[in-house]
Amino acid sequence: MKSFTQFTSILALFFLLAFAAYLDSPFSFINKNHSYTATAIKQKVARPVTAAPSDEGPDLEEKLEKVEKVDGYFVETYQEYEVYKDDKGKVIKEIPTDHTETLKYWDYSQNNGE
C-alpha cells in the first residue's frame, strides 16, 4: 500500500509539473493571442546616421582650481565653465558657472614613511 501512495504522489507531481510547463509555453491557451514564430518577429536594422555636432550654446568644461591637503587628504576643487568656441575650435570666451565639485582622496604616501 505504501508503494502505491508513493507512486500516485510521484505521478501527480509529474502531471502538475507538466501542466505548469504547458502553461508557461508559447502553445498554451493563455498565450494564444501572442505569436512567437520567427516570421512574426521583425528584425530591426540599424542604419548609420550622420549628425553634425550642435553649435547651439556653449560646451561645459571643468577645470582644476585648487588642491589642498586637509587632515591627511588631498582635496581638489573643480570649477565648471561655459566655453564658447568659434568654427575652428578656438576658445572665444570662458564664463565660470556657480557649479563646483570637490574630490577628496587619501594621501597614501604618508603611511609608507615617504
PDB file of N, CA and C in Angstrom:
ATOM      1  N   MET A   1       0.817  -1.196   0.000  1.00  0.00           N
ATOM      2  CA  MET A   1       0.000   0.000   0.000  1.00  0.00           C
ATOM      3  C   MET A   1       0.862   1.262   0.000  1.00  0.00           C
ATOM      4  N   LYS A   2       1.989   1.167   0.705  1.00  0.00           N
ATOM      5  CA  LYS A   2       2.873   2.317   0.785  1.00  0.00           C
ATOM      6  C   LYS A   2       3.453   2.656  -0.588  1.00  0.00           C
ATOM      7  N   SER A   3       3.818   1.659  -1.363  1.00  0.00           N
ATOM      8  CA  SER A   3       4.390   1.908  -2.686  1.00  0.00           C
ATOM      9  C   SER A   3       3.344   2.494  -3.633  1.00  0.00           C
ATOM     10  N   PHE A   4       2.071   2.118  -3.450  1.00  0.00           N
ATOM     11  CA  PHE A   4       1.007   2.664  -4.285  1.00  0.00           C
ATOM     12  C   PHE A   4       0.831   4.162  -4.038  1.00  0.00           C
ATOM     13  N   THR A   5       0.860   4.589  -2.788  1.00  0.00           N
ATOM     14  CA  THR A   5       0.711   6.017  -2.482  1.00  0.00           C
ATOM     15  C   THR A   5       1.932   6.809  -2.940  1.00  0.00           C
ATOM     16  N   GLN A   6       3.110   6.195  -2.844  1.00  0.00           N
ATOM     17  CA  GLN A   6       4.295   6.881  -3.362  1.00  0.00           C
ATOM     18  C   GLN A   6       4.201   7.042  -4.872  1.00  0.00           C
ATOM     19  N   PHE A   7       3.748   5.984  -5.544  1.00  0.00           N
ATOM     20  CA  PHE A   7       3.619   6.039  -6.994  1.00  0.00           C
ATOM     21  C   PHE A   7       2.605   7.099  -7.417  1.00  0.00           C
ATOM     22  N   THR A   8       1.457   7.152  -6.768  1.00  0.00           N
ATOM     23  CA  THR A   8       0.445   8.149  -7.128  1.00  0.00           C
ATOM     24  C   THR A   8       0.918   9.563  -6.797  1.00  0.00           C
ATOM     25  N   SER A   9       1.675   9.721  -5.726  1.00  0.00           N
ATOM     26  CA  SER A   9       2.208  11.049  -5.392  1.00  0.00           C
ATOM     27  C   SER A   9       3.198  11.517  -6.447  1.00  0.00           C
ATOM     28  N   ILE A  10       4.084  10.621  -6.868  1.00  0.00           N
ATOM     29  CA  ILE A  10       5.064  10.971  -7.907  1.00  0.00           C
ATOM     30  C   ILE A  10       4.364  11.244  -9.228  1.00  0.00           C
ATOM     31  N   LEU A  11       3.357  10.448  -9.557  1.00  0.00           N
ATOM     32  CA  LEU A  11       2.598  10.646 -10.790  1.00  0.00           C
ATOM     33  C   LEU A  11       1.851  11.983 -10.761  1.00  0.00           C
ATOM     34  N   ALA A  12       1.240  12.317  -9.642  1.00  0.00           N
ATOM     35  CA  ALA A  12       0.530  13.595  -9.514  1.00  0.00           C
ATOM     36  C   ALA A  12       1.506  14.762  -9.629  1.00  0.00           C
ATOM     37  N   LEU A  13       2.669  14.630  -9.024  1.00  0.00           N
ATOM     38  CA  LEU A  13       3.689  15.673  -9.117  1.00  0.00           C
ATOM     39  C   LEU A  13       4.168  15.844 -10.557  1.00  0.00           C
ATOM     40  N   PHE A  14       4.344  14.733 -11.266  1.00  0.00           N
ATOM     41  CA  PHE A  14       4.756  14.788 -12.665  1.00  0.00           C
ATOM     42  C   PHE A  14       3.713  15.516 -13.512  1.00  0.00           C
ATOM     43  N   PHE A  15       2.430  15.174 -13.341  1.00  0.00           N
ATOM     44  CA  PHE A  15       1.376  15.834 -14.107  1.00  0.00           C
ATOM     45  C   PHE A  15       1.270  17.320 -13.752  1.00  0.00           C
ATOM     46  N   LEU A  16       1.478  17.649 -12.509  1.00  0.00           N
ATOM     47  CA  LEU A  16       1.450  19.048 -12.096  1.00  0.00           C
ATOM     48  C   LEU A  16       2.585  19.837 -12.756  1.00  0.00           C
ATOM     49  N   LEU A  17       3.783  19.271 -12.771  1.00  0.00           N
ATOM     50  CA  LEU A  17       4.913  19.930 -13.432  1.00  0.00           C
ATOM     51  C   LEU A  17       4.707  20.026 -14.941  1.00  0.00           C
ATOM     52  N   ALA A  18       4.141  18.980 -15.545  1.00  0.00           N
ATOM     53  CA  ALA A  18       3.873  19.001 -16.983  1.00  0.00           C
ATOM     54  C   ALA A  18       2.840  20.075 -17.318  1.00  0.00           C
ATOM     55  N   PHE A  19       1.814  20.202 -16.496  1.00  0.00           N
ATOM     56  CA  PHE A  19       0.796  21.228 -16.728  1.00  0.00           C
ATOM     57  C   PHE A  19       1.379  22.633 -16.561  1.00  0.00           C
ATOM     58  N   ALA A  20       2.231  22.822 -15.557  1.00  0.00           N
ATOM     59  CA  ALA A  20       2.875  24.125 -15.357  1.00  0.00           C
ATOM     60  C   ALA A  20       3.790  24.461 -16.534  1.00  0.00           C
ATOM     61  N   ALA A  21       4.497  23.466 -17.059  1.00  0.00           N
ATOM     62  CA  ALA A  21       5.352  23.694 -18.225  1.00  0.00           C
ATOM     63  C   ALA A  21       4.514  24.048 -19.447  1.00  0.00           C
ATOM     64  N   TYR A  22       3.360  23.394 -19.603  1.00  0.00           N
ATOM     65  CA  TYR A  22       2.463  23.712 -20.711  1.00  0.00           C
ATOM     66  C   TYR A  22       1.955  25.152 -20.610  1.00  0.00           C
ATOM     67  N   LEU A  23       1.558  25.572 -19.412  1.00  0.00           N
ATOM     68  CA  LEU A  23       1.060  26.934 -19.243  1.00  0.00           C
ATOM     69  C   LEU A  23       2.142  27.967 -19.521  1.00  0.00           C
ATOM     70  N   ASP A  24       3.385  27.607 -19.263  1.00  0.00           N
ATOM     71  CA  ASP A  24       4.487  28.533 -19.478  1.00  0.00           C
ATOM     72  C   ASP A  24       4.949  28.553 -20.933  1.00  0.00           C
ATOM     73  N   SER A  25       4.536  27.602 -21.729  1.00  0.00           N
ATOM     74  CA  SER A  25       4.991  27.507 -23.117  1.00  0.00           C
ATOM     75  C   SER A  25       4.208  28.470 -24.012  1.00  0.00           C
ATOM     76  N   PRO A  26       4.740  28.789 -25.196  1.00  0.00           N
ATOM     77  CA  PRO A  26       4.020  29.668 -26.121  1.00  0.00           C
ATOM     78  C   PRO A  26       2.792  29.006 -26.737  1.00  0.00           C
ATOM     79  N   PHE A  27       2.625  27.698 -26.588  1.00  0.00           N
ATOM     80  CA  PHE A  27       1.491  26.986 -27.166  1.00  0.00           C
ATOM     81  C   PHE A  27       0.301  26.924 -26.220  1.00  0.00           C
ATOM     82  N   SER A  28       0.415  27.497 -25.050  1.00  0.00           N
ATOM     83  CA  SER A  28      -0.631  27.460 -24.041  1.00  0.00           C
ATOM     84  C   SER A  28      -1.821  28.314 -24.461  1.00  0.00           C
ATOM     85  N   PHE A  29      -2.998  27.978 -23.938  1.00  0.00           N
ATOM     86  CA  PHE A  29      -4.185  28.784 -24.213  1.00  0.00           C
ATOM     87  C   PHE A  29      -4.068  30.178 -23.603  1.00  0.00           C
ATOM     88  N   ILE A  30      -3.215  30.340 -22.609  1.00  0.00           N
ATOM     89  CA  ILE A  30      -3.002  31.662 -22.013  1.00  0.00           C
ATOM     90  C   ILE A  30      -2.305  32.586 -23.007  1.00  0.00           C
ATOM     91  N   ASN A  31      -1.393  32.033 -23.798  1.00  0.00           N
ATOM     92  CA  ASN A  31      -0.605  32.820 -24.746  1.00  0.00           C
ATOM     93  C   ASN A  31      -1.116  32.710 -26.175  1.00  0.00           C
ATOM     94  N   LYS A  32      -2.387  32.373 -26.369  1.00  0.00           N
ATOM     95  CA  LYS A  32      -2.886  32.146 -27.728  1.00  0.00           C
ATOM     96  C   LYS A  32      -2.942  33.427 -28.561  1.00  0.00           C
ATOM     97  N   ASN A  33      -3.011  34.599 -27.932  1.00  0.00           N
ATOM     98  CA  ASN A  33      -3.078  35.850 -28.682  1.00  0.00           C
ATOM     99  C   ASN A  33      -1.704  36.402 -29.038  1.00  0.00           C
ATOM    100  N   HIS A  34      -0.664  35.741 -28.593  1.00  0.00           N
ATOM    101  CA  HIS A  34       0.691  36.194 -28.873  1.00  0.00           C
ATOM    102  C   HIS A  34       1.337  35.246 -29.865  1.00  0.00           C
ATOM    103  N   SER A  35       2.006  35.810 -30.853  1.00  0.00           N
ATOM    104  CA  SER A  35       2.689  34.991 -31.839  1.00  0.00           C
ATOM    105  C   SER A  35       4.170  34.943 -31.504  1.00  0.00           C
ATOM    106  N   TYR A  36       4.696  33.736 -31.392  1.00  0.00           N
ATOM    107  CA  TYR A  36       6.102  33.567 -31.052  1.00  0.00           C
ATOM    108  C   TYR A  36       6.901  32.980 -32.209  1.00  0.00           C
ATOM    109  N   THR A  37       6.346  32.987 -33.392  1.00  0.00           N
ATOM    110  CA  THR A  37       7.063  32.389 -34.514  1.00  0.00           C
ATOM    111  C   THR A  37       8.145  33.332 -35.005  1.00  0.00           C
ATOM    112  N   ALA A  38       9.105  32.780 -35.699  1.00  0.00           N
ATOM    113  CA  ALA A  38      10.234  33.575 -36.197  1.00  0.00           C
ATOM    114  C   ALA A  38       9.788  34.542 -37.285  1.00  0.00           C
ATOM    115  N   THR A  39       8.737  34.197 -38.037  1.00  0.00           N
ATOM    116  CA  THR A  39       8.285  35.084 -39.103  1.00  0.00           C
ATOM    117  C   THR A  39       7.542  36.292 -38.556  1.00  0.00           C
ATOM    118  N   ALA A  40       6.999  36.174 -37.361  1.00  0.00           N
ATOM    119  CA  ALA A  40       6.241  37.284 -36.791  1.00  0.00           C
ATOM    120  C   ALA A  40       7.148  38.357 -36.208  1.00  0.00           C
ATOM    121  N   ILE A  41       8.371  37.991 -35.900  1.00  0.00           N
ATOM    122  CA  ILE A  41       9.295  38.956 -35.305  1.00  0.00           C
ATOM    123  C   ILE A  41      10.010  39.697 -36.424  1.00  0.00           C
ATOM    124  N   LYS A  42       9.831  40.987 -36.472  1.00  0.00           N
ATOM    125  CA  LYS A  42      10.502  41.785 -37.493  1.00  0.00           C
ATOM    126  C   LYS A  42      11.875  42.179 -36.978  1.00  0.00           C
ATOM    127  N   GLN A  43      12.844  41.983 -37.811  1.00  0.00           N
ATOM    128  CA  GLN A  43      14.206  42.323 -37.439  1.00  0.00           C
ATOM    129  C   GLN A  43      14.406  43.826 -37.563  1.00  0.00           C
ATOM    130  N   LYS A  44      15.017  44.405 -36.558  1.00  0.00           N
ATOM    131  CA  LYS A  44      15.354  45.818 -36.594  1.00  0.00           C
ATOM    132  C   LYS A  44      16.722  45.959 -37.240  1.00  0.00           C
ATOM    133  N   VAL A  45      16.815  46.826 -38.220  1.00  0.00           N
ATOM    134  CA  VAL A  45      18.071  47.038 -38.927  1.00  0.00           C
ATOM    135  C   VAL A  45      18.618  48.394 -38.528  1.00  0.00           C
ATOM    136  N   ALA A  46      19.848  48.402 -38.077  1.00  0.00           N
ATOM    137  CA  ALA A  46      20.489  49.660 -37.702  1.00  0.00           C
ATOM    138  C   ALA A  46      21.036  50.324 -38.950  1.00  0.00           C
ATOM    139  N   ARG A  47      20.771  51.590 -39.062  1.00  0.00           N
ATOM    140  CA  ARG A  47      21.272  52.353 -40.198  1.00  0.00           C
ATOM    141  C   ARG A  47      22.206  53.433 -39.685  1.00  0.00           C
ATOM    142  N   PRO A  48      23.291  53.671 -40.399  1.00  0.00           N
ATOM    143  CA  PRO A  48      24.213  54.720 -39.951  1.00  0.00           C
ATOM    144  C   PRO A  48      23.568  56.096 -40.056  1.00  0.00           C
ATOM    145  N   VAL A  49      23.879  56.922 -39.097  1.00  0.00           N
ATOM    146  CA  VAL A  49      23.326  58.271 -39.060  1.00  0.00           C
ATOM    147  C   VAL A  49      24.481  59.255 -39.081  1.00  0.00           C
ATOM    148  N   THR A  50      24.351  60.235 -39.930  1.00  0.00           N
ATOM    149  CA  THR A  50      25.370  61.279 -39.942  1.00  0.00           C
ATOM    150  C   THR A  50      24.794  62.487 -39.231  1.00  0.00           C
ATOM    151  N   ALA A  51      25.444  62.875 -38.164  1.00  0.00           N
ATOM    152  CA  ALA A  51      24.977  64.010 -37.381  1.00  0.00           C
ATOM    153  C   ALA A  51      26.150  64.922 -37.091  1.00  0.00           C
ATOM    154  N   ALA A  52      25.936  66.174 -37.311  1.00  0.00           N
ATOM    155  CA  ALA A  52      26.971  67.158 -37.013  1.00  0.00           C
ATOM    156  C   ALA A  52      26.794  67.622 -35.577  1.00  0.00           C
ATOM    157  N   PRO A  53      27.887  67.962 -34.919  1.00  0.00           N
ATOM    158  CA  PRO A  53      27.738  68.478 -33.557  1.00  0.00           C
ATOM    159  C   PRO A  53      26.950  69.779 -33.560  1.00  0.00           C
ATOM    160  N   SER A  54      26.143  69.920 -32.562  1.00  0.00           N
ATOM    161  CA  SER A  54      25.293  71.095 -32.485  1.00  0.00           C
ATOM    162  C   SER A  54      26.099  72.314 -32.047  1.00  0.00           C
ATOM    163  N   ASP A  55      25.848  73.419 -32.704  1.00  0.00           N
ATOM    164  CA  ASP A  55      26.529  74.668 -32.362  1.00  0.00           C
ATOM    165  C   ASP A  55      25.667  75.532 -31.459  1.00  0.00           C
ATOM    166  N   GLU A  56      24.637  74.942 -30.895  1.00  0.00           N
ATOM    167  CA  GLU A  56      23.746  75.701 -30.037  1.00  0.00           C
ATOM    168  C   GLU A  56      24.294  75.719 -28.617  1.00  0.00           C
ATOM    169  N   GLY A  57      24.729  76.853 -28.187  1.00  0.00           N
ATOM    170  CA  GLY A  57      25.158  77.000 -26.808  1.00  0.00           C
ATOM    171  C   GLY A  57      26.600  76.589 -26.571  1.00  0.00           C
ATOM    172  N   PRO A  58      27.039  76.817 -25.357  1.00  0.00           N
ATOM    173  CA  PRO A  58      28.436  76.559 -25.015  1.00  0.00           C
ATOM    174  C   PRO A  58      28.676  75.105 -24.603  1.00  0.00           C
ATOM    175  N   ASP A  59      29.954  74.739 -24.611  1.00  0.00           N
ATOM    176  CA  ASP A  59      30.372  73.464 -24.032  1.00  0.00           C
ATOM    177  C   ASP A  59      30.620  73.694 -22.550  1.00  0.00           C
ATOM    178  N   LEU A  60      30.366  72.680 -21.738  1.00  0.00           N
ATOM    179  CA  LEU A  60      30.642  72.777 -20.306  1.00  0.00           C
ATOM    180  C   LEU A  60      31.911  71.991 -20.004  1.00  0.00           C
ATOM    181  N   GLU A  61      32.859  72.646 -19.373  1.00  0.00           N
ATOM    182  CA  GLU A  61      34.118  72.009 -19.010  1.00  0.00           C
ATOM    183  C   GLU A  61      34.417  72.289 -17.547  1.00  0.00           C
ATOM    184  N   GLU A  62      35.076  71.323 -16.905  1.00  0.00           N
ATOM    185  CA  GLU A  62      35.505  71.514 -15.520  1.00  0.00           C
ATOM    186  C   GLU A  62      37.009  71.704 -15.503  1.00  0.00           C
ATOM    187  N   LYS A  63      37.457  72.691 -14.738  1.00  0.00           N
ATOM    188  CA  LYS A  63      38.884  72.978 -14.634  1.00  0.00           C
ATOM    189  C   LYS A  63      39.292  72.929 -13.170  1.00  0.00           C
ATOM    190  N   LEU A  64      40.491  72.406 -12.946  1.00  0.00           N
ATOM    191  CA  LEU A  64      41.031  72.309 -11.598  1.00  0.00           C
ATOM    192  C   LEU A  64      41.376  73.703 -11.102  1.00  0.00           C
ATOM    193  N   GLU A  65      40.787  74.092  -9.977  1.00  0.00           N
ATOM    194  CA  GLU A  65      41.025  75.416  -9.407  1.00  0.00           C
ATOM    195  C   GLU A  65      42.101  75.385  -8.329  1.00  0.00           C
ATOM    196  N   LYS A  66      42.000  74.427  -7.401  1.00  0.00           N
ATOM    197  CA  LYS A  66      42.985  74.379  -6.322  1.00  0.00           C
ATOM    198  C   LYS A  66      43.068  72.977  -5.743  1.00  0.00           C
ATOM    199  N   VAL A  67      44.234  72.687  -5.151  1.00  0.00           N
ATOM    200  CA  VAL A  67      44.470  71.427  -4.454  1.00  0.00           C
ATOM    201  C   VAL A  67      44.952  71.775  -3.058  1.00  0.00           C
ATOM    202  N   GLU A  68      44.266  71.226  -2.052  1.00  0.00           N
ATOM    203  CA  GLU A  68      44.631  71.477  -0.657  1.00  0.00           C
ATOM    204  C   GLU A  68      44.880  70.136   0.028  1.00  0.00           C
ATOM    205  N   LYS A  69      45.665  70.172   1.095  1.00  0.00           N
ATOM    206  CA  LYS A  69      45.857  68.986   1.915  1.00  0.00           C
ATOM    207  C   LYS A  69      45.203  69.265   3.262  1.00  0.00           C
ATOM    208  N   VAL A  70      44.168  68.473   3.581  1.00  0.00           N
ATOM    209  CA  VAL A  70      43.392  68.673   4.798  1.00  0.00           C
ATOM    210  C   VAL A  70      43.309  67.345   5.544  1.00  0.00           C
ATOM    211  N   ASP A  71      43.870  67.298   6.755  1.00  0.00           N
ATOM    212  CA  ASP A  71      43.799  66.120   7.633  1.00  0.00           C
ATOM    213  C   ASP A  71      44.257  64.834   6.941  1.00  0.00           C
ATOM    214  N   GLY A  72      45.321  64.900   6.185  1.00  0.00           N
ATOM    215  CA  GLY A  72      45.850  63.718   5.512  1.00  0.00           C
ATOM    216  C   GLY A  72      45.179  63.401   4.191  1.00  0.00           C
ATOM    217  N   TYR A  73      44.244  64.225   3.756  1.00  0.00           N
ATOM    218  CA  TYR A  73      43.551  64.033   2.488  1.00  0.00           C
ATOM    219  C   TYR A  73      43.956  65.133   1.520  1.00  0.00           C
ATOM    220  N   PHE A  74      43.996  64.794   0.237  1.00  0.00           N
ATOM    221  CA  PHE A  74      44.088  65.807  -0.803  1.00  0.00           C
ATOM    222  C   PHE A  74      42.662  66.172  -1.187  1.00  0.00           C
ATOM    223  N   VAL A  75      42.379  67.457  -1.276  1.00  0.00           N
ATOM    224  CA  VAL A  75      41.055  67.932  -1.679  1.00  0.00           C
ATOM    225  C   VAL A  75      41.242  68.792  -2.917  1.00  0.00           C
ATOM    226  N   GLU A  76      40.690  68.319  -4.039  1.00  0.00           N
ATOM    227  CA  GLU A  76      40.766  69.053  -5.300  1.00  0.00           C
ATOM    228  C   GLU A  76      39.425  69.732  -5.540  1.00  0.00           C
ATOM    229  N   THR A  77      39.468  70.986  -5.945  1.00  0.00           N
ATOM    230  CA  THR A  77      38.255  71.742  -6.238  1.00  0.00           C
ATOM    231  C   THR A  77      38.230  72.053  -7.727  1.00  0.00           C
ATOM    232  N   TYR A  78      37.128  71.692  -8.366  1.00  0.00           N
ATOM    233  CA  TYR A  78      36.948  71.923  -9.794  1.00  0.00           C
ATOM    234  C   TYR A  78      35.829  72.936 -10.002  1.00  0.00           C
ATOM    235  N   GLN A  79      36.020  73.851 -10.936  1.00  0.00           N
ATOM    236  CA  GLN A  79      35.034  74.867 -11.290  1.00  0.00           C
ATOM    237  C   GLN A  79      34.523  74.561 -12.693  1.00  0.00           C
ATOM    238  N   GLU A  80      33.221  74.661 -12.887  1.00  0.00           N
ATOM    239  CA  GLU A  80      32.632  74.438 -14.199  1.00  0.00           C
ATOM    240  C   GLU A  80      32.598  75.750 -14.976  1.00  0.00           C
ATOM    241  N   TYR A  81      32.948  75.675 -16.253  1.00  0.00           N
ATOM    242  CA  TYR A  81      32.974  76.848 -17.122  1.00  0.00           C
ATOM    243  C   TYR A  81      32.124  76.590 -18.353  1.00  0.00           C
ATOM    244  N   GLU A  82      31.465  77.661 -18.829  1.00  0.00           N
ATOM    245  CA  GLU A  82      30.829  77.637 -20.139  1.00  0.00           C
ATOM    246  C   GLU A  82      31.885  78.105 -21.125  1.00  0.00           C
ATOM    247  N   VAL A  83      32.211  77.248 -22.088  1.00  0.00           N
ATOM    248  CA  VAL A  83      33.274  77.568 -23.034  1.00  0.00           C
ATOM    249  C   VAL A  83      32.646  77.781 -24.406  1.00  0.00           C
ATOM    250  N   TYR A  84      32.863  78.962 -24.959  1.00  0.00           N
ATOM    251  CA  TYR A  84      32.377  79.304 -26.291  1.00  0.00           C
ATOM    252  C   TYR A  84      33.537  79.188 -27.267  1.00  0.00           C
ATOM    253  N   LYS A  85      33.304  78.492 -28.390  1.00  0.00           N
ATOM    254  CA  LYS A  85      34.348  78.285 -29.393  1.00  0.00           C
ATOM    255  C   LYS A  85      33.852  78.754 -30.749  1.00  0.00           C
ATOM    256  N   ASP A  86      34.820  79.131 -31.611  1.00  0.00           N
ATOM    257  CA  ASP A  86      34.461  79.509 -32.973  1.00  0.00           C
ATOM    258  C   ASP A  86      34.418  78.260 -33.850  1.00  0.00           C
ATOM    259  N   ASP A  87      34.256  78.460 -35.159  1.00  0.00           N
ATOM    260  CA  ASP A  87      34.126  77.335 -36.083  1.00  0.00           C
ATOM    261  C   ASP A  87      35.385  76.478 -36.151  1.00  0.00           C
ATOM    262  N   LYS A  88      36.522  77.063 -35.876  1.00  0.00           N
ATOM    263  CA  LYS A  88      37.787  76.331 -35.950  1.00  0.00           C
ATOM    264  C   LYS A  88      38.139  75.645 -34.631  1.00  0.00           C
ATOM    265  N   GLY A  89      37.327  75.834 -33.603  1.00  0.00           N
ATOM    266  CA  GLY A  89      37.571  75.203 -32.322  1.00  0.00           C
ATOM    267  C   GLY A  89      38.378  76.043 -31.362  1.00  0.00           C
ATOM    268  N   LYS A  90      38.662  77.278 -31.740  1.00  0.00           N
ATOM    269  CA  LYS A  90      39.427  78.166 -30.874  1.00  0.00           C
ATOM    270  C   LYS A  90      38.490  78.757 -29.815  1.00  0.00           C
ATOM    271  N   VAL A  91      38.970  78.809 -28.577  1.00  0.00           N
ATOM    272  CA  VAL A  91      38.155  79.317 -27.476  1.00  0.00           C
ATOM    273  C   VAL A  91      38.002  80.826 -27.607  1.00  0.00           C
ATOM    274  N   ILE A  92      36.756  81.275 -27.630  1.00  0.00           N
ATOM    275  CA  ILE A  92      36.465  82.711 -27.712  1.00  0.00           C
ATOM    276  C   ILE A  92      36.364  83.298 -26.315  1.00  0.00           C
ATOM    277  N   LYS A  93      35.546  82.654 -25.467  1.00  0.00           N
ATOM    278  CA  LYS A  93      35.426  83.135 -24.090  1.00  0.00           C
ATOM    279  C   LYS A  93      35.034  81.991 -23.165  1.00  0.00           C
ATOM    280  N   GLU A  94      35.375  82.161 -21.888  1.00  0.00           N
ATOM    281  CA  GLU A  94      35.041  81.203 -20.846  1.00  0.00           C
ATOM    282  C   GLU A  94      34.336  81.945 -19.719  1.00  0.00           C
ATOM    283  N   ILE A  95      33.170  81.433 -19.344  1.00  0.00           N
ATOM    284  CA  ILE A  95      32.399  82.064 -18.273  1.00  0.00           C
ATOM    285  C   ILE A  95      32.232  81.044 -17.148  1.00  0.00           C
ATOM    286  N   PRO A  96      32.698  81.354 -15.931  1.00  0.00           N
ATOM    287  CA  PRO A  96      32.518  80.404 -14.823  1.00  0.00           C
ATOM    288  C   PRO A  96      31.049  80.327 -14.405  1.00  0.00           C
ATOM    289  N   THR A  97      30.618  79.130 -14.077  1.00  0.00           N
ATOM    290  CA  THR A  97      29.255  78.939 -13.573  1.00  0.00           C
ATOM    291  C   THR A  97      29.313  78.832 -12.052  1.00  0.00           C
ATOM    292  N   ASP A  98      28.170  78.650 -11.430  1.00  0.00           N
ATOM    293  CA  ASP A  98      28.104  78.508  -9.976  1.00  0.00           C
ATOM    294  C   ASP A  98      28.409  77.082  -9.521  1.00  0.00           C
ATOM    295  N   HIS A  99      28.563  76.183 -10.450  1.00  0.00           N
ATOM    296  CA  HIS A  99      28.728  74.767 -10.116  1.00  0.00           C
ATOM    297  C   HIS A  99      30.196  74.437  -9.843  1.00  0.00           C
ATOM    298  N   THR A 100      30.472  73.933  -8.643  1.00  0.00           N
ATOM    299  CA  THR A 100      31.813  73.459  -8.296  1.00  0.00           C
ATOM    300  C   THR A 100      31.703  72.039  -7.757  1.00  0.00           C
ATOM    301  N   GLU A 101      32.772  71.272  -7.929  1.00  0.00           N
ATOM    302  CA  GLU A 101      32.827  69.917  -7.399  1.00  0.00           C
ATOM    303  C   GLU A 101      34.141  69.735  -6.673  1.00  0.00           C
ATOM    304  N   THR A 102      34.108  68.905  -5.631  1.00  0.00           N
ATOM    305  CA  THR A 102      35.331  68.605  -4.901  1.00  0.00           C
ATOM    306  C   THR A 102      35.579  67.106  -4.944  1.00  0.00           C
ATOM    307  N   LEU A 103      36.853  66.770  -4.992  1.00  0.00           N
ATOM    308  CA  LEU A 103      37.288  65.384  -4.994  1.00  0.00           C
ATOM    309  C   LEU A 103      38.252  65.212  -3.841  1.00  0.00           C
ATOM    310  N   LYS A 104      37.955  64.259  -2.965  1.00  0.00           N
ATOM    311  CA  LYS A 104      38.759  64.062  -1.760  1.00  0.00           C
ATOM    312  C   LYS A 104      39.327  62.648  -1.780  1.00  0.00           C
ATOM    313  N   TYR A 105      40.650  62.537  -1.623  1.00  0.00           N
ATOM    314  CA  TYR A 105      41.269  61.223  -1.577  1.00  0.00           C
ATOM    315  C   TYR A 105      42.435  61.226  -0.606  1.00  0.00           C
ATOM    316  N   TRP A 106      42.726  60.061  -0.057  1.00  0.00           N
ATOM    317  CA  TRP A 106      43.722  59.893   0.991  1.00  0.00           C
ATOM    318  C   TRP A 106      45.128  59.963   0.409  1.00  0.00           C
ATOM    319  N   ASP A 107      46.031  60.592   1.161  1.00  0.00           N
ATOM    320  CA  ASP A 107      47.439  60.664   0.782  1.00  0.00           C
ATOM    321  C   ASP A 107      48.127  59.406   1.311  1.00  0.00           C
ATOM    322  N   TYR A 108      48.318  58.426   0.441  1.00  0.00           N
ATOM    323  CA  TYR A 108      48.907  57.150   0.858  1.00  0.00           C
ATOM    324  C   TYR A 108      50.401  57.250   1.124  1.00  0.00           C
ATOM    325  N   SER A 109      51.050  58.282   0.645  1.00  0.00           N
ATOM    326  CA  SER A 109      52.497  58.389   0.833  1.00  0.00           C
ATOM    327  C   SER A 109      52.855  58.622   2.297  1.00  0.00           C
ATOM    328  N   GLN A 110      51.951  59.160   3.091  1.00  0.00           N
ATOM    329  CA  GLN A 110      52.275  59.412   4.500  1.00  0.00           C
ATOM    330  C   GLN A 110      52.285  58.127   5.318  1.00  0.00           C
ATOM    331  N   ASN A 111      51.624  57.067   4.856  1.00  0.00           N
ATOM    332  CA  ASN A 111      51.635  55.786   5.574  1.00  0.00           C
ATOM    333  C   ASN A 111      52.913  55.003   5.329  1.00  0.00           C
ATOM    334  N   ASN A 112      53.555  55.224   4.196  1.00  0.00           N
ATOM    335  CA  ASN A 112      54.743  54.462   3.836  1.00  0.00           C
ATOM    336  C   ASN A 112      56.022  55.108   4.340  1.00  0.00           C
ATOM    337  N   GLY A 113      55.931  56.222   5.019  1.00  0.00           N
ATOM    338  CA  GLY A 113      57.101  56.897   5.539  1.00  0.00           C
ATOM    339  C   GLY A 113      57.855  57.679   4.484  1.00  0.00           C
ATOM    340  N   GLU A 114      57.214  57.951   3.368  1.00  0.00           N
ATOM    341  CA  GLU A 114      57.872  58.708   2.301  1.00  0.00           C
ATOM    342  C   GLU A 114      57.779  60.185   2.545  1.00  0.00           C
TER     343      GLU A 114
END
